[in-house]
Amino acid sequence: MQYMVSVIDEKANNGTQEEMDAVDVFNDKLIADGYWVFAGGLAAPSTATVIDNRGDQPIVTDGPFVETKELLAGFWIIQAPDLDVALKLATEGSKACNRKVEVRPFL
């Protein structure tokens, strides 16, 4: 099963060099152990564009869809045999990036 491990941050930044190095080591481990699918960091929420095309005309708005204290800073997509393994890996990822993470299975 695939899981999304979302990295939650309270500020838009790329992290320290030490954090980025730890994430690289974690990514290498995911690849070596066969859990890696994809990962990426996200630009600041101020770079977002929200599109709402539910009405007669699309509405395009600059900026994030909600103003919050916390933001989605990046993510991993992992392949794990079950939730227990995904949670273990997410725990290691949280340590590596020094941020909270959220784990959600793909449907």
PDB file of N, CA and C in Angstrom:
ATOM      1  N   MET A   1       0.848  -1.179   0.000  1.00  0.00           N
ATOM      2  CA  MET A   1       0.000   0.000   0.000  1.00  0.00           C
ATOM      3  C   MET A   1       0.887   1.233   0.000  1.00  0.00           C
ATOM      4  N   GLN A   2       0.405   2.295  -0.632  1.00  0.00           N
ATOM      5  CA  GLN A   2       1.143   3.547  -0.640  1.00  0.00           C
ATOM      6  C   GLN A   2       0.583   4.508   0.399  1.00  0.00           C
ATOM      7  N   TYR A   3       1.492   5.266   0.985  1.00  0.00           N
ATOM      8  CA  TYR A   3       1.152   6.251   2.008  1.00  0.00           C
ATOM      9  C   TYR A   3       1.802   7.579   1.659  1.00  0.00           C
ATOM     10  N   MET A   4       1.110   8.657   2.011  1.00  0.00           N
ATOM     11  CA  MET A   4       1.696   9.985   1.903  1.00  0.00           C
ATOM     12  C   MET A   4       2.110  10.419   3.305  1.00  0.00           C
ATOM     13  N   VAL A   5       3.356  10.781   3.439  1.00  0.00           N
ATOM     14  CA  VAL A   5       3.878  11.311   4.693  1.00  0.00           C
ATOM     15  C   VAL A   5       4.080  12.800   4.467  1.00  0.00           C
ATOM     16  N   SER A   6       3.193  13.615   5.025  1.00  0.00           N
ATOM     17  CA  SER A   6       3.232  15.070   4.841  1.00  0.00           C
ATOM     18  C   SER A   6       4.094  15.699   5.917  1.00  0.00           C
ATOM     19  N   VAL A   7       4.965  16.599   5.501  1.00  0.00           N
ATOM     20  CA  VAL A   7       5.827  17.328   6.438  1.00  0.00           C
ATOM     21  C   VAL A   7       5.120  18.623   6.809  1.00  0.00           C
ATOM     22  N   ILE A   8       4.921  18.828   8.106  1.00  0.00           N
ATOM     23  CA  ILE A   8       4.194  19.986   8.612  1.00  0.00           C
ATOM     24  C   ILE A   8       5.189  20.944   9.264  1.00  0.00           C
ATOM     25  N   ASP A   9       5.127  22.197   8.854  1.00  0.00           N
ATOM     26  CA  ASP A   9       6.054  23.194   9.375  1.00  0.00           C
ATOM     27  C   ASP A   9       5.265  24.411   9.832  1.00  0.00           C
ATOM     28  N   GLU A  10       5.884  25.227  10.655  1.00  0.00           N
ATOM     29  CA  GLU A  10       5.247  26.459  11.118  1.00  0.00           C
ATOM     30  C   GLU A  10       5.800  27.690  10.422  1.00  0.00           C
ATOM     31  N   LYS A  11       6.757  27.489   9.547  1.00  0.00           N
ATOM     32  CA  LYS A  11       7.341  28.600   8.809  1.00  0.00           C
ATOM     33  C   LYS A  11       7.816  28.080   7.457  1.00  0.00           C
ATOM     34  N   ALA A  12       7.849  28.939   6.492  1.00  0.00           N
ATOM     35  CA  ALA A  12       8.308  28.541   5.161  1.00  0.00           C
ATOM     36  C   ALA A  12       9.820  28.718   5.090  1.00  0.00           C
ATOM     37  N   ASN A  13      10.531  27.610   5.138  1.00  0.00           N
ATOM     38  CA  ASN A  13      11.984  27.658   4.971  1.00  0.00           C
ATOM     39  C   ASN A  13      12.457  26.319   4.447  1.00  0.00           C
ATOM     40  N   ASN A  14      13.687  26.274   4.022  1.00  0.00           N
ATOM     41  CA  ASN A  14      14.246  25.033   3.485  1.00  0.00           C
ATOM     42  C   ASN A  14      14.897  24.169   4.540  1.00  0.00           C
ATOM     43  N   GLY A  15      14.935  24.621   5.763  1.00  0.00           N
ATOM     44  CA  GLY A  15      15.599  23.864   6.807  1.00  0.00           C
ATOM     45  C   GLY A  15      17.084  24.163   6.844  1.00  0.00           C
ATOM     46  N   THR A  16      17.708  23.711   7.899  1.00  0.00           N
ATOM     47  CA  THR A  16      19.155  23.915   8.047  1.00  0.00           C
ATOM     48  C   THR A  16      19.897  22.914   7.174  1.00  0.00           C
ATOM     49  N   GLN A  17      21.160  23.163   6.967  1.00  0.00           N
ATOM     50  CA  GLN A  17      21.977  22.223   6.195  1.00  0.00           C
ATOM     51  C   GLN A  17      22.012  20.866   6.896  1.00  0.00           C
ATOM     52  N   GLU A  18      22.067  20.863   8.211  1.00  0.00           N
ATOM     53  CA  GLU A  18      22.063  19.610   8.979  1.00  0.00           C
ATOM     54  C   GLU A  18      20.760  18.830   8.745  1.00  0.00           C
ATOM     55  N   GLU A  19      19.627  19.539   8.742  1.00  0.00           N
ATOM     56  CA  GLU A  19      18.339  18.887   8.489  1.00  0.00           C
ATOM     57  C   GLU A  19      18.273  18.334   7.066  1.00  0.00           C
ATOM     58  N   MET A  20      18.743  19.109   6.099  1.00  0.00           N
ATOM     59  CA  MET A  20      18.717  18.641   4.713  1.00  0.00           C
ATOM     60  C   MET A  20      19.617  17.424   4.522  1.00  0.00           C
ATOM     61  N   ASP A  21      20.773  17.424   5.196  1.00  0.00           N
ATOM     62  CA  ASP A  21      21.665  16.263   5.126  1.00  0.00           C
ATOM     63  C   ASP A  21      21.005  15.031   5.742  1.00  0.00           C
ATOM     64  N   ALA A  22      20.311  15.214   6.869  1.00  0.00           N
ATOM     65  CA  ALA A  22      19.621  14.094   7.521  1.00  0.00           C
ATOM     66  C   ALA A  22      18.499  13.556   6.635  1.00  0.00           C
ATOM     67  N   VAL A  23      17.790  14.444   5.949  1.00  0.00           N
ATOM     68  CA  VAL A  23      16.741  14.009   5.027  1.00  0.00           C
ATOM     69  C   VAL A  23      17.351  13.225   3.866  1.00  0.00           C
ATOM     70  N   ASP A  24      18.494  13.664   3.356  1.00  0.00           N
ATOM     71  CA  ASP A  24      19.165  12.915   2.283  1.00  0.00           C
ATOM     72  C   ASP A  24      19.524  11.499   2.731  1.00  0.00           C
ATOM     73  N   VAL A  25      20.013  11.358   3.955  1.00  0.00           N
ATOM     74  CA  VAL A  25      20.346  10.037   4.497  1.00  0.00           C
ATOM     75  C   VAL A  25      19.077   9.196   4.621  1.00  0.00           C
ATOM     76  N   PHE A  26      17.996   9.794   5.118  1.00  0.00           N
ATOM     77  CA  PHE A  26      16.725   9.084   5.235  1.00  0.00           C
ATOM     78  C   PHE A  26      16.207   8.665   3.861  1.00  0.00           C
ATOM     79  N   ASN A  27      16.272   9.575   2.886  1.00  0.00           N
ATOM     80  CA  ASN A  27      15.843   9.237   1.524  1.00  0.00           C
ATOM     81  C   ASN A  27      16.644   8.068   0.967  1.00  0.00           C
ATOM     82  N   ASP A  28      17.950   8.084   1.172  1.00  0.00           N
ATOM     83  CA  ASP A  28      18.802   6.983   0.701  1.00  0.00           C
ATOM     84  C   ASP A  28      18.386   5.664   1.338  1.00  0.00           C
ATOM     85  N   LYS A  29      18.016   5.707   2.625  1.00  0.00           N
ATOM     86  CA  LYS A  29      17.559   4.494   3.320  1.00  0.00           C
ATOM     87  C   LYS A  29      16.238   4.001   2.721  1.00  0.00           C
ATOM     88  N   LEU A  30      15.312   4.915   2.467  1.00  0.00           N
ATOM     89  CA  LEU A  30      14.047   4.518   1.848  1.00  0.00           C
ATOM     90  C   LEU A  30      14.277   3.844   0.502  1.00  0.00           C
ATOM     91  N   ILE A  31      15.180   4.408  -0.293  1.00  0.00           N
ATOM     92  CA  ILE A  31      15.494   3.835  -1.603  1.00  0.00           C
ATOM     93  C   ILE A  31      16.118   2.457  -1.439  1.00  0.00           C
ATOM     94  N   ALA A  32      17.127   2.359  -0.575  1.00  0.00           N
ATOM     95  CA  ALA A  32      17.845   1.086  -0.383  1.00  0.00           C
ATOM     96  C   ALA A  32      16.924  -0.012   0.135  1.00  0.00           C
ATOM     97  N   ASP A  33      15.954   0.349   0.974  1.00  0.00           N
ATOM     98  CA  ASP A  33      15.063  -0.648   1.573  1.00  0.00           C
ATOM     99  C   ASP A  33      13.796  -0.906   0.745  1.00  0.00           C
ATOM    100  N   GLY A  34      13.669  -0.225  -0.396  1.00  0.00           N
ATOM    101  CA  GLY A  34      12.547  -0.479  -1.291  1.00  0.00           C
ATOM    102  C   GLY A  34      11.241   0.211  -0.930  1.00  0.00           C
ATOM    103  N   TYR A  35      11.283   1.229  -0.061  1.00  0.00           N
ATOM    104  CA  TYR A  35      10.064   1.944   0.339  1.00  0.00           C
ATOM    105  C   TYR A  35       9.817   3.210  -0.487  1.00  0.00           C
ATOM    106  N   TRP A  36      10.832   3.699  -1.167  1.00  0.00           N
ATOM    107  CA  TRP A  36      10.782   4.970  -1.887  1.00  0.00           C
ATOM    108  C   TRP A  36       9.846   4.898  -3.085  1.00  0.00           C
ATOM    109  N   VAL A  37       8.968   5.886  -3.217  1.00  0.00           N
ATOM    110  CA  VAL A  37       8.196   6.084  -4.437  1.00  0.00           C
ATOM    111  C   VAL A  37       8.538   7.460  -4.996  1.00  0.00           C
ATOM    112  N   PHE A  38       8.367   8.493  -4.159  1.00  0.00           N
ATOM    113  CA  PHE A  38       8.606   9.861  -4.607  1.00  0.00           C
ATOM    114  C   PHE A  38       8.639  10.762  -3.383  1.00  0.00           C
ATOM    115  N   ALA A  39       9.351  11.880  -3.478  1.00  0.00           N
ATOM    116  CA  ALA A  39       9.358  12.870  -2.398  1.00  0.00           C
ATOM    117  C   ALA A  39       9.618  14.237  -2.996  1.00  0.00           C
ATOM    118  N   GLY A  40       9.212  15.265  -2.274  1.00  0.00           N
ATOM    119  CA  GLY A  40       9.482  16.611  -2.739  1.00  0.00           C
ATOM    120  C   GLY A  40       9.213  17.639  -1.672  1.00  0.00           C
ATOM    121  N   GLY A  41       9.932  18.722  -1.762  1.00  0.00           N
ATOM    122  CA  GLY A  41       9.683  19.872  -0.907  1.00  0.00           C
ATOM    123  C   GLY A  41       8.808  20.852  -1.673  1.00  0.00           C
ATOM    124  N   LEU A  42       8.083  21.667  -0.960  1.00  0.00           N
ATOM    125  CA  LEU A  42       7.182  22.630  -1.585  1.00  0.00           C
ATOM    126  C   LEU A  42       7.659  24.056  -1.342  1.00  0.00           C
ATOM    127  N   ALA A  43       7.410  24.926  -2.302  1.00  0.00           N
ATOM    128  CA  ALA A  43       7.714  26.345  -2.153  1.00  0.00           C
ATOM    129  C   ALA A  43       6.768  26.946  -1.110  1.00  0.00           C
ATOM    130  N   ALA A  44       7.053  28.150  -0.703  1.00  0.00           N
ATOM    131  CA  ALA A  44       6.262  28.841   0.325  1.00  0.00           C
ATOM    132  C   ALA A  44       4.800  28.963  -0.097  1.00  0.00           C
ATOM    133  N   PRO A  45       3.879  28.958   0.870  1.00  0.00           N
ATOM    134  CA  PRO A  45       2.456  29.114   0.548  1.00  0.00           C
ATOM    135  C   PRO A  45       2.149  30.376  -0.256  1.00  0.00           C
ATOM    136  N   SER A  46       2.961  31.404  -0.091  1.00  0.00           N
ATOM    137  CA  SER A  46       2.722  32.643  -0.831  1.00  0.00           C
ATOM    138  C   SER A  46       2.859  32.448  -2.339  1.00  0.00           C
ATOM    139  N   THR A  47       3.482  31.354  -2.772  1.00  0.00           N
ATOM    140  CA  THR A  47       3.634  31.070  -4.201  1.00  0.00           C
ATOM    141  C   THR A  47       2.460  30.281  -4.769  1.00  0.00           C
ATOM    142  N   ALA A  48       1.518  29.899  -3.916  1.00  0.00           N
ATOM    143  CA  ALA A  48       0.393  29.068  -4.339  1.00  0.00           C
ATOM    144  C   ALA A  48      -0.633  29.859  -5.145  1.00  0.00           C
ATOM    145  N   THR A  49      -1.363  29.144  -5.962  1.00  0.00           N
ATOM    146  CA  THR A  49      -2.514  29.688  -6.671  1.00  0.00           C
ATOM    147  C   THR A  49      -3.667  28.721  -6.474  1.00  0.00           C
ATOM    148  N   VAL A  50      -4.815  29.235  -6.049  1.00  0.00           N
ATOM    149  CA  VAL A  50      -6.000  28.412  -5.838  1.00  0.00           C
ATOM    150  C   VAL A  50      -6.958  28.644  -7.004  1.00  0.00           C
ATOM    151  N   ILE A  51      -7.454  27.554  -7.566  1.00  0.00           N
ATOM    152  CA  ILE A  51      -8.415  27.627  -8.667  1.00  0.00           C
ATOM    153  C   ILE A  51      -9.699  26.950  -8.222  1.00  0.00           C
ATOM    154  N   ASP A  52     -10.810  27.675  -8.320  1.00  0.00           N
ATOM    155  CA  ASP A  52     -12.120  27.138  -7.976  1.00  0.00           C
ATOM    156  C   ASP A  52     -13.002  27.241  -9.220  1.00  0.00           C
ATOM    157  N   ASN A  53     -13.218  26.106  -9.867  1.00  0.00           N
ATOM    158  CA  ASN A  53     -14.013  26.087 -11.088  1.00  0.00           C
ATOM    159  C   ASN A  53     -15.322  25.329 -10.870  1.00  0.00           C
ATOM    160  N   ARG A  54     -15.919  25.520  -9.691  1.00  0.00           N
ATOM    161  CA  ARG A  54     -17.184  24.853  -9.380  1.00  0.00           C
ATOM    162  C   ARG A  54     -18.391  25.637  -9.863  1.00  0.00           C
ATOM    163  N   GLY A  55     -18.211  26.884 -10.217  1.00  0.00           N
ATOM    164  CA  GLY A  55     -19.333  27.724 -10.631  1.00  0.00           C
ATOM    165  C   GLY A  55     -19.344  27.935 -12.137  1.00  0.00           C
ATOM    166  N   ASP A  56     -19.973  29.028 -12.547  1.00  0.00           N
ATOM    167  CA  ASP A  56     -20.072  29.344 -13.970  1.00  0.00           C
ATOM    168  C   ASP A  56     -18.738  29.749 -14.571  1.00  0.00           C
ATOM    169  N   GLN A  57     -17.921  30.428 -13.779  1.00  0.00           N
ATOM    170  CA  GLN A  57     -16.615  30.889 -14.235  1.00  0.00           C
ATOM    171  C   GLN A  57     -15.555  30.486 -13.210  1.00  0.00           C
ATOM    172  N   PRO A  58     -14.349  30.109 -13.672  1.00  0.00           N
ATOM    173  CA  PRO A  58     -13.293  29.784 -12.705  1.00  0.00           C
ATOM    174  C   PRO A  58     -12.844  31.035 -11.950  1.00  0.00           C
ATOM    175  N   ILE A  59     -12.545  30.828 -10.678  1.00  0.00           N
ATOM    176  CA  ILE A  59     -12.006  31.894  -9.845  1.00  0.00           C
ATOM    177  C   ILE A  59     -10.571  31.511  -9.511  1.00  0.00           C
ATOM    178  N   VAL A  60      -9.639  32.390  -9.856  1.00  0.00           N
ATOM    179  CA  VAL A  60      -8.219  32.150  -9.620  1.00  0.00           C
ATOM    180  C   VAL A  60      -7.742  33.155  -8.585  1.00  0.00           C
ATOM    181  N   THR A  61      -7.178  32.626  -7.477  1.00  0.00           N
ATOM    182  CA  THR A  61      -6.764  33.464  -6.360  1.00  0.00           C
ATOM    183  C   THR A  61      -5.304  33.177  -6.028  1.00  0.00           C
ATOM    184  N   ASP A  62      -4.504  34.225  -5.895  1.00  0.00           N
ATOM    185  CA  ASP A  62      -3.114  34.059  -5.470  1.00  0.00           C
ATOM    186  C   ASP A  62      -3.066  33.769  -3.984  1.00  0.00           C
ATOM    187  N   GLY A  63      -2.122  32.901  -3.596  1.00  0.00           N
ATOM    188  CA  GLY A  63      -1.921  32.600  -2.190  1.00  0.00           C
ATOM    189  C   GLY A  63      -2.572  31.294  -1.786  1.00  0.00           C
ATOM    190  N   PRO A  64      -2.339  30.863  -0.566  1.00  0.00           N
ATOM    191  CA  PRO A  64      -2.853  29.574  -0.088  1.00  0.00           C
ATOM    192  C   PRO A  64      -4.377  29.595   0.051  1.00  0.00           C
ATOM    193  N   PHE A  65      -4.977  28.397   0.038  1.00  0.00           N
ATOM    194  CA  PHE A  65      -6.431  28.325   0.134  1.00  0.00           C
ATOM    195  C   PHE A  65      -6.930  28.639   1.535  1.00  0.00           C
ATOM    196  N   VAL A  66      -6.094  28.518   2.539  1.00  0.00           N
ATOM    197  CA  VAL A  66      -6.440  28.942   3.898  1.00  0.00           C
ATOM    198  C   VAL A  66      -5.211  29.558   4.536  1.00  0.00           C
ATOM    199  N   GLU A  67      -5.425  30.484   5.428  1.00  0.00           N
ATOM    200  CA  GLU A  67      -4.342  31.053   6.228  1.00  0.00           C
ATOM    201  C   GLU A  67      -4.280  30.260   7.523  1.00  0.00           C
ATOM    202  N   THR A  68      -3.164  29.620   7.765  1.00  0.00           N
ATOM    203  CA  THR A  68      -3.015  28.812   8.965  1.00  0.00           C
ATOM    204  C   THR A  68      -1.656  29.050   9.601  1.00  0.00           C
ATOM    205  N   LYS A  69      -1.525  28.603  10.821  1.00  0.00           N
ATOM    206  CA  LYS A  69      -0.246  28.684  11.525  1.00  0.00           C
ATOM    207  C   LYS A  69       0.729  27.656  10.956  1.00  0.00           C
ATOM    208  N   GLU A  70       0.200  26.486  10.588  1.00  0.00           N
ATOM    209  CA  GLU A  70       1.037  25.416  10.062  1.00  0.00           C
ATOM    210  C   GLU A  70       0.823  25.278   8.560  1.00  0.00           C
ATOM    211  N   LEU A  71       1.822  24.740   7.880  1.00  0.00           N
ATOM    212  CA  LEU A  71       1.747  24.596   6.438  1.00  0.00           C
ATOM    213  C   LEU A  71       2.364  23.278   6.002  1.00  0.00           C
ATOM    214  N   LEU A  72       1.981  22.864   4.811  1.00  0.00           N
ATOM    215  CA  LEU A  72       2.556  21.668   4.209  1.00  0.00           C
ATOM    216  C   LEU A  72       3.864  22.073   3.558  1.00  0.00           C
ATOM    217  N   ALA A  73       4.977  21.560   4.072  1.00  0.00           N
ATOM    218  CA  ALA A  73       6.297  21.960   3.600  1.00  0.00           C
ATOM    219  C   ALA A  73       6.878  20.988   2.576  1.00  0.00           C
ATOM    220  N   GLY A  74       6.398  19.767   2.585  1.00  0.00           N
ATOM    221  CA  GLY A  74       6.909  18.758   1.666  1.00  0.00           C
ATOM    222  C   GLY A  74       6.247  17.436   1.964  1.00  0.00           C
ATOM    223  N   PHE A  75       6.696  16.392   1.292  1.00  0.00           N
ATOM    224  CA  PHE A  75       6.058  15.095   1.472  1.00  0.00           C
ATOM    225  C   PHE A  75       6.942  13.975   0.948  1.00  0.00           C
ATOM    226  N   TRP A  76       6.630  12.788   1.426  1.00  0.00           N
ATOM    227  CA  TRP A  76       7.160  11.553   0.869  1.00  0.00           C
ATOM    228  C   TRP A  76       5.974  10.705   0.439  1.00  0.00           C
ATOM    229  N   ILE A  77       6.107  10.007  -0.655  1.00  0.00           N
ATOM    230  CA  ILE A  77       5.179   8.947  -1.014  1.00  0.00           C
ATOM    231  C   ILE A  77       5.978   7.664  -0.829  1.00  0.00           C
ATOM    232  N   ILE A  78       5.497   6.800   0.055  1.00  0.00           N
ATOM    233  CA  ILE A  78       6.223   5.556   0.338  1.00  0.00           C
ATOM    234  C   ILE A  78       5.339   4.357   0.034  1.00  0.00           C
ATOM    235  N   GLN A  79       5.991   3.252  -0.227  1.00  0.00           N
ATOM    236  CA  GLN A  79       5.323   1.963  -0.423  1.00  0.00           C
ATOM    237  C   GLN A  79       5.673   1.118   0.794  1.00  0.00           C
ATOM    238  N   ALA A  80       4.667   0.753   1.576  1.00  0.00           N
ATOM    239  CA  ALA A  80       4.904  -0.034   2.787  1.00  0.00           C
ATOM    240  C   ALA A  80       3.874  -1.155   2.857  1.00  0.00           C
ATOM    241  N   PRO A  81       4.248  -2.297   3.453  1.00  0.00           N
ATOM    242  CA  PRO A  81       3.321  -3.422   3.498  1.00  0.00           C
ATOM    243  C   PRO A  81       2.097  -3.184   4.379  1.00  0.00           C
ATOM    244  N   ASP A  82       2.230  -2.282   5.372  1.00  0.00           N
ATOM    245  CA  ASP A  82       1.098  -2.015   6.257  1.00  0.00           C
ATOM    246  C   ASP A  82       1.321  -0.699   6.998  1.00  0.00           C
ATOM    247  N   LEU A  83       0.298  -0.276   7.731  1.00  0.00           N
ATOM    248  CA  LEU A  83       0.355   0.995   8.443  1.00  0.00           C
ATOM    249  C   LEU A  83       1.454   1.015   9.497  1.00  0.00           C
ATOM    250  N   ASP A  84       1.695  -0.102  10.165  1.00  0.00           N
ATOM    251  CA  ASP A  84       2.733  -0.127  11.199  1.00  0.00           C
ATOM    252  C   ASP A  84       4.099   0.228  10.618  1.00  0.00           C
ATOM    253  N   VAL A  85       4.416  -0.322   9.460  1.00  0.00           N
ATOM    254  CA  VAL A  85       5.695  -0.015   8.811  1.00  0.00           C
ATOM    255  C   VAL A  85       5.705   1.445   8.368  1.00  0.00           C
ATOM    256  N   ALA A  86       4.596   1.919   7.805  1.00  0.00           N
ATOM    257  CA  ALA A  86       4.516   3.314   7.373  1.00  0.00           C
ATOM    258  C   ALA A  86       4.731   4.264   8.552  1.00  0.00           C
ATOM    259  N   LEU A  87       4.140   3.947   9.702  1.00  0.00           N
ATOM    260  CA  LEU A  87       4.304   4.794  10.882  1.00  0.00           C
ATOM    261  C   LEU A  87       5.734   4.773  11.390  1.00  0.00           C
ATOM    262  N   LYS A  88       6.367   3.616  11.338  1.00  0.00           N
ATOM    263  CA  LYS A  88       7.780   3.520  11.750  1.00  0.00           C
ATOM    264  C   LYS A  88       8.653   4.388  10.850  1.00  0.00           C
ATOM    265  N   LEU A  89       8.422   4.295   9.539  1.00  0.00           N
ATOM    266  CA  LEU A  89       9.199   5.097   8.599  1.00  0.00           C
ATOM    267  C   LEU A  89       8.917   6.585   8.793  1.00  0.00           C
ATOM    268  N   ALA A  90       7.667   6.934   9.006  1.00  0.00           N
ATOM    269  CA  ALA A  90       7.307   8.335   9.216  1.00  0.00           C
ATOM    270  C   ALA A  90       7.970   8.886  10.477  1.00  0.00           C
ATOM    271  N   THR A  91       8.088   8.051  11.496  1.00  0.00           N
ATOM    272  CA  THR A  91       8.766   8.461  12.725  1.00  0.00           C
ATOM    273  C   THR A  91      10.224   8.804  12.434  1.00  0.00           C
ATOM    274  N   GLU A  92      10.864   7.985  11.602  1.00  0.00           N
ATOM    275  CA  GLU A  92      12.246   8.264  11.210  1.00  0.00           C
ATOM    276  C   GLU A  92      12.325   9.523  10.356  1.00  0.00           C
ATOM    277  N   GLY A  93      11.350   9.716   9.473  1.00  0.00           N
ATOM    278  CA  GLY A  93      11.331  10.918   8.643  1.00  0.00           C
ATOM    279  C   GLY A  93      11.146  12.180   9.454  1.00  0.00           C
ATOM    280  N   SER A  94      10.278  12.121  10.466  1.00  0.00           N
ATOM    281  CA  SER A  94      10.058  13.259  11.346  1.00  0.00           C
ATOM    282  C   SER A  94      11.356  13.646  12.056  1.00  0.00           C
ATOM    283  N   LYS A  95      12.083  12.649  12.501  1.00  0.00           N
ATOM    284  CA  LYS A  95      13.368  12.909  13.164  1.00  0.00           C
ATOM    285  C   LYS A  95      14.356  13.537  12.193  1.00  0.00           C
ATOM    286  N   ALA A  96      14.396  12.994  10.968  1.00  0.00           N
ATOM    287  CA  ALA A  96      15.353  13.485   9.976  1.00  0.00           C
ATOM    288  C   ALA A  96      15.088  14.945   9.602  1.00  0.00           C
ATOM    289  N   CYS A  97      13.822  15.290   9.350  1.00  0.00           N
ATOM    290  CA  CYS A  97      13.527  16.657   8.905  1.00  0.00           C
ATOM    291  C   CYS A  97      13.276  17.616  10.068  1.00  0.00           C
ATOM    292  N   ASN A  98      13.175  17.064  11.285  1.00  0.00           N
ATOM    293  CA  ASN A  98      12.981  17.869  12.494  1.00  0.00           C
ATOM    294  C   ASN A  98      11.662  18.638  12.455  1.00  0.00           C
ATOM    295  N   ARG A  99      10.622  17.949  11.964  1.00  0.00           N
ATOM    296  CA  ARG A  99       9.297  18.541  11.879  1.00  0.00           C
ATOM    297  C   ARG A  99       8.244  17.473  12.140  1.00  0.00           C
ATOM    298  N   LYS A 100       7.014  17.916  12.437  1.00  0.00           N
ATOM    299  CA  LYS A 100       5.909  16.971  12.558  1.00  0.00           C
ATOM    300  C   LYS A 100       5.583  16.435  11.173  1.00  0.00           C
ATOM    301  N   VAL A 101       5.050  15.210  11.149  1.00  0.00           N
ATOM    302  CA  VAL A 101       4.570  14.643   9.893  1.00  0.00           C
ATOM    303  C   VAL A 101       3.192  14.034  10.107  1.00  0.00           C
ATOM    304  N   GLU A 102       2.447  13.901   9.025  1.00  0.00           N
ATOM    305  CA  GLU A 102       1.152  13.246   9.045  1.00  0.00           C
ATOM    306  C   GLU A 102       1.194  12.102   8.049  1.00  0.00           C
ATOM    307  N   VAL A 103       0.660  10.947   8.422  1.00  0.00           N
ATOM    308  CA  VAL A 103       0.638   9.772   7.549  1.00  0.00           C
ATOM    309  C   VAL A 103      -0.793   9.491   7.127  1.00  0.00           C
ATOM    310  N   ARG A 104      -0.993   9.347   5.805  1.00  0.00           N
ATOM    311  CA  ARG A 104      -2.323   9.021   5.291  1.00  0.00           C
ATOM    312  C   ARG A 104      -2.179   8.025   4.157  1.00  0.00           C
ATOM    313  N   PRO A 105      -2.982   6.956   4.183  1.00  0.00           N
ATOM    314  CA  PRO A 105      -2.944   5.990   3.094  1.00  0.00           C
ATOM    315  C   PRO A 105      -3.649   6.537   1.851  1.00  0.00           C
ATOM    316  N   PHE A 106      -3.159   6.114   0.695  1.00  0.00           N
ATOM    317  CA  PHE A 106      -3.884   6.391  -0.538  1.00  0.00           C
ATOM    318  C   PHE A 106      -5.074   5.452  -0.622  1.00  0.00           C
ATOM    319  N   LEU A 107      -6.153   5.912  -1.175  1.00  0.00           N
ATOM    320  CA  LEU A 107      -7.340   5.087  -1.352  1.00  0.00           C
ATOM    321  C   LEU A 107      -7.223   4.269  -2.630  1.00  0.00           C
TER     322      LEU A 107
END
